[in-house]
PDB file of all heavy atoms in Angstrom:
ATOM      1  N   ILE A   1     -77.629 184.538  49.892  1.00  0.00           N
ATOM      2  CA  ILE A   1     -78.257 185.849  49.687  1.00  0.00           C
ATOM      3  C   ILE A   1     -77.285 186.701  48.808  1.00  0.00           C
ATOM      4  O   ILE A   1     -76.095 186.425  48.703  1.00  0.00           O
ATOM      5  CB  ILE A   1     -78.485 186.629  51.008  1.00  0.00           C
ATOM      6  CG1 ILE A   1     -77.211 186.854  51.763  1.00  0.00           C
ATOM      7  CG2 ILE A   1     -79.512 185.835  51.869  1.00  0.00           C
ATOM      8  CD1 ILE A   1     -77.364 187.735  53.031  1.00  0.00           C
ATOM      9  N   GLY A   2     -77.830 187.693  48.183  1.00  0.00           N
ATOM     10  CA  GLY A   2     -77.007 188.677  47.433  1.00  0.00           C
ATOM     11  C   GLY A   2     -76.867 188.367  45.966  1.00  0.00           C
ATOM     12  O   GLY A   2     -76.748 189.339  45.159  1.00  0.00           O
ATOM     13  N   ASP A   3     -76.943 187.155  45.530  1.00  0.00           N
ATOM     14  CA  ASP A   3     -76.840 186.819  44.096  1.00  0.00           C
ATOM     15  C   ASP A   3     -77.117 185.334  43.930  1.00  0.00           C
ATOM     16  O   ASP A   3     -77.179 184.567  44.878  1.00  0.00           O
ATOM     17  CB  ASP A   3     -75.432 187.160  43.529  1.00  0.00           C
ATOM     18  CG  ASP A   3     -75.414 187.428  42.087  1.00  0.00           C
ATOM     19  OD1 ASP A   3     -76.395 187.076  41.396  1.00  0.00           O
ATOM     20  OD2 ASP A   3     -74.438 187.946  41.606  1.00  0.00           O
ATOM     21  N   ASP A   4     -77.241 184.950  42.665  1.00  0.00           N
ATOM     22  CA  ASP A   4     -77.403 183.528  42.324  1.00  0.00           C
ATOM     23  C   ASP A   4     -76.116 182.780  42.634  1.00  0.00           C
ATOM     24  O   ASP A   4     -75.043 183.240  42.347  1.00  0.00           O
ATOM     25  CB  ASP A   4     -77.800 183.420  40.896  1.00  0.00           C
ATOM     26  CG  ASP A   4     -77.728 182.021  40.360  1.00  0.00           C
ATOM     27  OD1 ASP A   4     -78.581 181.218  40.721  1.00  0.00           O
ATOM     28  OD2 ASP A   4     -76.779 181.641  39.638  1.00  0.00           O
ATOM     29  N   LEU A   5     -76.268 181.576  43.174  1.00  0.00           N
ATOM     30  CA  LEU A   5     -75.092 180.790  43.605  1.00  0.00           C
ATOM     31  C   LEU A   5     -74.137 180.498  42.434  1.00  0.00           C
ATOM     32  O   LEU A   5     -72.904 180.732  42.512  1.00  0.00           O
ATOM     33  CB  LEU A   5     -75.508 179.470  44.233  1.00  0.00           C
ATOM     34  CG  LEU A   5     -74.445 178.483  44.553  1.00  0.00           C
ATOM     35  CD1 LEU A   5     -73.432 179.031  45.562  1.00  0.00           C
ATOM     36  CD2 LEU A   5     -75.080 177.160  45.125  1.00  0.00           C
ATOM     37  N   TYR A   6     -74.632 180.026  41.293  1.00  0.00           N
ATOM     38  CA  TYR A   6     -73.786 179.639  40.198  1.00  0.00           C
ATOM     39  C   TYR A   6     -73.160 180.903  39.531  1.00  0.00           C
ATOM     40  O   TYR A   6     -72.032 180.847  39.070  1.00  0.00           O
ATOM     41  CB  TYR A   6     -74.589 178.801  39.161  1.00  0.00           C
ATOM     42  CG  TYR A   6     -74.825 177.419  39.520  1.00  0.00           C
ATOM     43  CD1 TYR A   6     -74.517 176.942  40.857  1.00  0.00           C
ATOM     44  CD2 TYR A   6     -75.346 176.479  38.688  1.00  0.00           C
ATOM     45  CE1 TYR A   6     -74.735 175.649  41.248  1.00  0.00           C
ATOM     46  CE2 TYR A   6     -75.577 175.134  39.048  1.00  0.00           C
ATOM     47  CZ  TYR A   6     -75.250 174.721  40.337  1.00  0.00           C
ATOM     48  OH  TYR A   6     -75.460 173.472  40.741  1.00  0.00           O
ATOM     49  N   THR A   7     -73.894 182.001  39.578  1.00  0.00           N
ATOM     50  CA  THR A   7     -73.333 183.265  39.094  1.00  0.00           C
ATOM     51  C   THR A   7     -72.144 183.685  39.984  1.00  0.00           C
ATOM     52  O   THR A   7     -71.130 184.129  39.478  1.00  0.00           O
ATOM     53  CB  THR A   7     -74.418 184.392  39.084  1.00  0.00           C
ATOM     54  OG1 THR A   7     -75.419 184.023  38.111  1.00  0.00           O
ATOM     55  CG2 THR A   7     -73.820 185.723  38.602  1.00  0.00           C
ATOM     56  N   ALA A   8     -72.309 183.548  41.237  1.00  0.00           N
ATOM     57  CA  ALA A   8     -71.265 183.878  42.211  1.00  0.00           C
ATOM     58  C   ALA A   8     -70.014 183.038  41.921  1.00  0.00           C
ATOM     59  O   ALA A   8     -68.908 183.565  42.030  1.00  0.00           O
ATOM     60  CB  ALA A   8     -71.734 183.698  43.649  1.00  0.00           C
ATOM     61  N   ILE A   9     -70.182 181.744  41.693  1.00  0.00           N
ATOM     62  CA  ILE A   9     -69.014 180.893  41.435  1.00  0.00           C
ATOM     63  C   ILE A   9     -68.317 181.298  40.097  1.00  0.00           C
ATOM     64  O   ILE A   9     -67.114 181.427  40.065  1.00  0.00           O
ATOM     65  CB  ILE A   9     -69.460 179.401  41.361  1.00  0.00           C
ATOM     66  CG1 ILE A   9     -69.940 178.991  42.734  1.00  0.00           C
ATOM     67  CG2 ILE A   9     -68.337 178.561  40.897  1.00  0.00           C
ATOM     68  CD1 ILE A   9     -70.585 177.646  42.772  1.00  0.00           C
ATOM     69  N   ALA A  10     -69.117 181.580  39.081  1.00  0.00           N
ATOM     70  CA  ALA A  10     -68.543 181.994  37.810  1.00  0.00           C
ATOM     71  C   ALA A  10     -67.786 183.320  37.990  1.00  0.00           C
ATOM     72  O   ALA A  10     -66.690 183.518  37.421  1.00  0.00           O
ATOM     73  CB  ALA A  10     -69.659 182.154  36.775  1.00  0.00           C
ATOM     74  N   ASP A  11     -68.356 184.214  38.817  1.00  0.00           N
ATOM     75  CA  ASP A  11     -67.669 185.525  39.067  1.00  0.00           C
ATOM     76  C   ASP A  11     -66.328 185.276  39.760  1.00  0.00           C
ATOM     77  O   ASP A  11     -65.314 185.943  39.519  1.00  0.00           O
ATOM     78  CB  ASP A  11     -68.566 186.435  39.968  1.00  0.00           C
ATOM     79  CG  ASP A  11     -69.695 187.016  39.165  1.00  0.00           C
ATOM     80  OD1 ASP A  11     -69.686 187.013  37.924  1.00  0.00           O
ATOM     81  OD2 ASP A  11     -70.656 187.540  39.820  1.00  0.00           O
ATOM     82  N   GLY A  12     -66.335 184.305  40.668  1.00  0.00           N
ATOM     83  CA  GLY A  12     -65.047 183.973  41.355  1.00  0.00           C
ATOM     84  C   GLY A  12     -63.989 183.409  40.438  1.00  0.00           C
ATOM     85  O   GLY A  12     -62.828 183.722  40.513  1.00  0.00           O
ATOM     86  N   VAL A  13     -64.427 182.525  39.524  1.00  0.00           N
ATOM     87  CA  VAL A  13     -63.501 181.965  38.542  1.00  0.00           C
ATOM     88  C   VAL A  13     -62.951 183.078  37.661  1.00  0.00           C
ATOM     89  O   VAL A  13     -61.749 183.160  37.414  1.00  0.00           O
ATOM     90  CB  VAL A  13     -64.219 180.904  37.651  1.00  0.00           C
ATOM     91  CG1 VAL A  13     -63.373 180.494  36.457  1.00  0.00           C
ATOM     92  CG2 VAL A  13     -64.606 179.665  38.511  1.00  0.00           C
ATOM     93  N   ARG A  14     -63.842 183.942  37.193  1.00  0.00           N
ATOM     94  CA  ARG A  14     -63.410 185.037  36.295  1.00  0.00           C
ATOM     95  C   ARG A  14     -62.385 185.912  37.027  1.00  0.00           C
ATOM     96  O   ARG A  14     -61.351 186.221  36.477  1.00  0.00           O
ATOM     97  CB  ARG A  14     -64.706 185.865  35.988  1.00  0.00           C
ATOM     98  CG  ARG A  14     -64.446 187.008  34.999  1.00  0.00           C
ATOM     99  CD  ARG A  14     -65.749 187.718  34.645  1.00  0.00           C
ATOM    100  NE  ARG A  14     -66.734 186.795  34.001  1.00  0.00           N
ATOM    101  CZ  ARG A  14     -67.806 186.316  34.539  1.00  0.00           C
ATOM    102  NH1 ARG A  14     -68.152 186.665  35.812  1.00  0.00           N
ATOM    103  NH2 ARG A  14     -68.599 185.491  33.832  1.00  0.00           N
ATOM    104  N   GLN A  15     -62.685 186.304  38.237  1.00  0.00           N
ATOM    105  CA  GLN A  15     -61.806 187.150  39.007  1.00  0.00           C
ATOM    106  C   GLN A  15     -60.459 186.412  39.277  1.00  0.00           C
ATOM    107  O   GLN A  15     -59.413 187.064  39.118  1.00  0.00           O
ATOM    108  CB  GLN A  15     -62.470 187.556  40.373  1.00  0.00           C
ATOM    109  CG  GLN A  15     -61.613 188.354  41.259  1.00  0.00           C
ATOM    110  CD  GLN A  15     -62.242 188.668  42.601  1.00  0.00           C
ATOM    111  OE1 GLN A  15     -63.494 188.577  42.664  1.00  0.00           O
ATOM    112  NE2 GLN A  15     -61.490 188.978  43.570  1.00  0.00           N
ATOM    113  N   GLY A  16     -60.530 185.187  39.735  1.00  0.00           N
ATOM    114  CA  GLY A  16     -59.301 184.451  40.050  1.00  0.00           C
ATOM    115  C   GLY A  16     -58.377 184.297  38.891  1.00  0.00           C
ATOM    116  O   GLY A  16     -57.182 184.499  38.985  1.00  0.00           O
ATOM    117  N   TYR A  17     -58.927 183.917  37.694  1.00  0.00           N
ATOM    118  CA  TYR A  17     -58.092 183.721  36.547  1.00  0.00           C
ATOM    119  C   TYR A  17     -57.585 184.971  35.984  1.00  0.00           C
ATOM    120  O   TYR A  17     -56.386 185.030  35.490  1.00  0.00           O
ATOM    121  CB  TYR A  17     -58.906 182.900  35.497  1.00  0.00           C
ATOM    122  CG  TYR A  17     -58.794 181.436  35.704  1.00  0.00           C
ATOM    123  CD1 TYR A  17     -59.507 180.807  36.727  1.00  0.00           C
ATOM    124  CD2 TYR A  17     -57.983 180.637  34.906  1.00  0.00           C
ATOM    125  CE1 TYR A  17     -59.432 179.460  36.951  1.00  0.00           C
ATOM    126  CE2 TYR A  17     -57.881 179.238  35.114  1.00  0.00           C
ATOM    127  CZ  TYR A  17     -58.595 178.686  36.142  1.00  0.00           C
ATOM    128  OH  TYR A  17     -58.499 177.318  36.381  1.00  0.00           O
ATOM    129  N   GLN A  18     -58.356 186.063  36.047  1.00  0.00           N
ATOM    130  CA  GLN A  18     -57.860 187.316  35.535  1.00  0.00           C
ATOM    131  C   GLN A  18     -56.779 187.927  36.402  1.00  0.00           C
ATOM    132  O   GLN A  18     -55.681 188.332  35.949  1.00  0.00           O
ATOM    133  CB  GLN A  18     -59.037 188.294  35.342  1.00  0.00           C
ATOM    134  CG  GLN A  18     -59.932 187.911  34.166  1.00  0.00           C
ATOM    135  CD  GLN A  18     -61.168 188.812  34.036  1.00  0.00           C
ATOM    136  OE1 GLN A  18     -61.534 189.526  34.959  1.00  0.00           O
ATOM    137  NE2 GLN A  18     -61.809 188.745  32.851  1.00  0.00           N
ATOM    138  N   GLU A  19     -57.033 188.000  37.695  1.00  0.00           N
ATOM    139  CA  GLU A  19     -56.064 188.601  38.663  1.00  0.00           C
ATOM    140  C   GLU A  19     -54.828 187.768  38.801  1.00  0.00           C
ATOM    141  O   GLU A  19     -53.717 188.275  39.061  1.00  0.00           O
ATOM    142  CB  GLU A  19     -56.723 188.796  40.021  1.00  0.00           C
ATOM    143  CG  GLU A  19     -57.859 189.833  39.952  1.00  0.00           C
ATOM    144  CD  GLU A  19     -58.459 190.079  41.363  1.00  0.00           C
ATOM    145  OE1 GLU A  19     -58.066 189.410  42.316  1.00  0.00           O
ATOM    146  OE2 GLU A  19     -59.321 190.968  41.429  1.00  0.00           O
ATOM    147  N   GLY A  20     -54.942 186.409  38.634  1.00  0.00           N
ATOM    148  CA  GLY A  20     -53.835 185.544  38.779  1.00  0.00           C
ATOM    149  C   GLY A  20     -53.022 185.362  37.499  1.00  0.00           C
ATOM    150  O   GLY A  20     -52.002 184.643  37.457  1.00  0.00           O
ATOM    151  N   CYS A  21     -53.438 186.043  36.415  1.00  0.00           N
ATOM    152  CA  CYS A  21     -52.832 185.910  35.088  1.00  0.00           C
ATOM    153  C   CYS A  21     -52.722 184.438  34.697  1.00  0.00           C
ATOM    154  O   CYS A  21     -51.699 183.990  34.187  1.00  0.00           O
ATOM    155  CB  CYS A  21     -51.434 186.562  35.105  1.00  0.00           C
ATOM    156  SG  CYS A  21     -51.461 188.371  35.382  1.00  0.00           S
ATOM    157  N   LEU A  22     -53.818 183.682  34.947  1.00  0.00           N
ATOM    158  CA  LEU A  22     -53.892 182.308  34.584  1.00  0.00           C
ATOM    159  C   LEU A  22     -54.446 182.157  33.209  1.00  0.00           C
ATOM    160  O   LEU A  22     -55.308 182.875  32.715  1.00  0.00           O
ATOM    161  CB  LEU A  22     -54.803 181.570  35.596  1.00  0.00           C
ATOM    162  CG  LEU A  22     -54.398 181.709  37.065  1.00  0.00           C
ATOM    163  CD1 LEU A  22     -55.442 181.059  37.927  1.00  0.00           C
ATOM    164  CD2 LEU A  22     -53.006 181.130  37.324  1.00  0.00           C
ATOM    165  N   ARG A  23     -53.941 181.137  32.458  1.00  0.00           N
ATOM    166  CA  ARG A  23     -54.373 180.941  31.075  1.00  0.00           C
ATOM    167  C   ARG A  23     -55.839 180.609  31.041  1.00  0.00           C
ATOM    168  O   ARG A  23     -56.338 179.765  31.801  1.00  0.00           O
ATOM    169  CB  ARG A  23     -53.595 179.814  30.444  1.00  0.00           C
ATOM    170  CG  ARG A  23     -53.747 179.806  28.876  1.00  0.00           C
ATOM    171  CD  ARG A  23     -52.997 178.663  28.264  1.00  0.00           C
ATOM    172  NE  ARG A  23     -53.786 177.434  28.385  1.00  0.00           N
ATOM    173  CZ  ARG A  23     -53.478 176.271  27.809  1.00  0.00           C
ATOM    174  NH1 ARG A  23     -52.340 176.171  27.129  1.00  0.00           N
ATOM    175  NH2 ARG A  23     -54.215 175.168  27.975  1.00  0.00           N
ATOM    176  N   LYS A  24     -56.537 181.216  30.127  1.00  0.00           N
ATOM    177  CA  LYS A  24     -57.975 180.975  29.929  1.00  0.00           C
ATOM    178  C   LYS A  24     -58.153 180.023  28.772  1.00  0.00           C
ATOM    179  O   LYS A  24     -57.745 180.301  27.636  1.00  0.00           O
ATOM    180  CB  LYS A  24     -58.722 182.276  29.601  1.00  0.00           C
ATOM    181  CG  LYS A  24     -58.861 183.270  30.785  1.00  0.00           C
ATOM    182  CD  LYS A  24     -57.592 184.107  30.966  1.00  0.00           C
ATOM    183  CE  LYS A  24     -57.740 185.200  31.987  1.00  0.00           C
ATOM    184  NZ  LYS A  24     -56.481 185.927  32.223  1.00  0.00           N
ATOM    185  N   SER A  25     -58.750 178.880  29.055  1.00  0.00           N
ATOM    186  CA  SER A  25     -58.782 177.763  28.089  1.00  0.00           C
ATOM    187  C   SER A  25     -60.192 177.412  27.525  1.00  0.00           C
ATOM    188  O   SER A  25     -60.303 176.589  26.680  1.00  0.00           O
ATOM    189  CB  SER A  25     -58.153 176.517  28.715  1.00  0.00           C
ATOM    190  OG  SER A  25     -56.828 176.769  29.121  1.00  0.00           O
ATOM    191  N   MET A  26     -61.216 178.033  28.109  1.00  0.00           N
ATOM    192  CA  MET A  26     -62.541 177.638  27.741  1.00  0.00           C
ATOM    193  C   MET A  26     -63.011 178.239  26.430  1.00  0.00           C
ATOM    194  O   MET A  26     -62.833 179.474  26.208  1.00  0.00           O
ATOM    195  CB  MET A  26     -63.529 177.972  28.897  1.00  0.00           C
ATOM    196  CG  MET A  26     -63.246 177.343  30.188  1.00  0.00           C
ATOM    197  SD  MET A  26     -63.240 175.544  30.135  1.00  0.00           S
ATOM    198  CE  MET A  26     -64.962 175.232  29.923  1.00  0.00           C
ATOM    199  N   VAL A  27     -63.659 177.415  25.584  1.00  0.00           N
ATOM    200  CA  VAL A  27     -64.171 177.924  24.337  1.00  0.00           C
ATOM    201  C   VAL A  27     -65.670 177.613  24.258  1.00  0.00           C
ATOM    202  O   VAL A  27     -66.172 176.577  24.735  1.00  0.00           O
ATOM    203  CB  VAL A  27     -63.447 177.320  23.101  1.00  0.00           C
ATOM    204  CG1 VAL A  27     -62.017 177.732  23.143  1.00  0.00           C
ATOM    205  CG2 VAL A  27     -63.573 175.816  23.078  1.00  0.00           C
ATOM    206  N   LYS A  28     -66.463 178.552  23.674  1.00  0.00           N
ATOM    207  CA  LYS A  28     -67.826 178.310  23.428  1.00  0.00           C
ATOM    208  C   LYS A  28     -68.049 177.746  22.004  1.00  0.00           C
ATOM    209  O   LYS A  28     -67.065 177.747  21.234  1.00  0.00           O
ATOM    210  CB  LYS A  28     -68.675 179.566  23.589  1.00  0.00           C
ATOM    211  CG  LYS A  28     -68.221 180.785  22.838  1.00  0.00           C
ATOM    212  CD  LYS A  28     -68.948 182.050  23.242  1.00  0.00           C
ATOM    213  CE  LYS A  28     -68.454 183.263  22.477  1.00  0.00           C
ATOM    214  NZ  LYS A  28     -69.138 184.489  22.922  1.00  0.00           N
ATOM    215  N   ASP A  29     -69.239 177.315  21.684  1.00  0.00           N
ATOM    216  CA  ASP A  29     -69.484 176.667  20.421  1.00  0.00           C
ATOM    217  C   ASP A  29     -68.452 175.580  20.149  1.00  0.00           C
ATOM    218  O   ASP A  29     -67.711 175.653  19.202  1.00  0.00           O
ATOM    219  CB  ASP A  29     -69.519 177.704  19.295  1.00  0.00           C
ATOM    220  CG  ASP A  29     -70.524 178.785  19.495  1.00  0.00           C
ATOM    221  OD1 ASP A  29     -71.618 178.507  19.960  1.00  0.00           O
ATOM    222  OD2 ASP A  29     -70.129 179.979  19.322  1.00  0.00           O
ATOM    223  N   PRO A  30     -68.377 174.545  20.993  1.00  0.00           N
ATOM    224  CA  PRO A  30     -67.290 173.604  20.972  1.00  0.00           C
ATOM    225  C   PRO A  30     -67.051 172.877  19.690  1.00  0.00           C
ATOM    226  O   PRO A  30     -65.907 172.477  19.408  1.00  0.00           O
ATOM    227  CB  PRO A  30     -67.582 172.667  22.117  1.00  0.00           C
ATOM    228  CG  PRO A  30     -69.078 172.756  22.325  1.00  0.00           C
ATOM    229  CD  PRO A  30     -69.419 174.154  21.986  1.00  0.00           C
TER     230      PRO A  30
END
């Protein structure tokens, strides 16, 4: 409940990597 499951996981990744100052490595248009 509350949101789409995959959106929730992406939000968690976004939050974890930003707050943890972890390197962001993903690129679009590969």
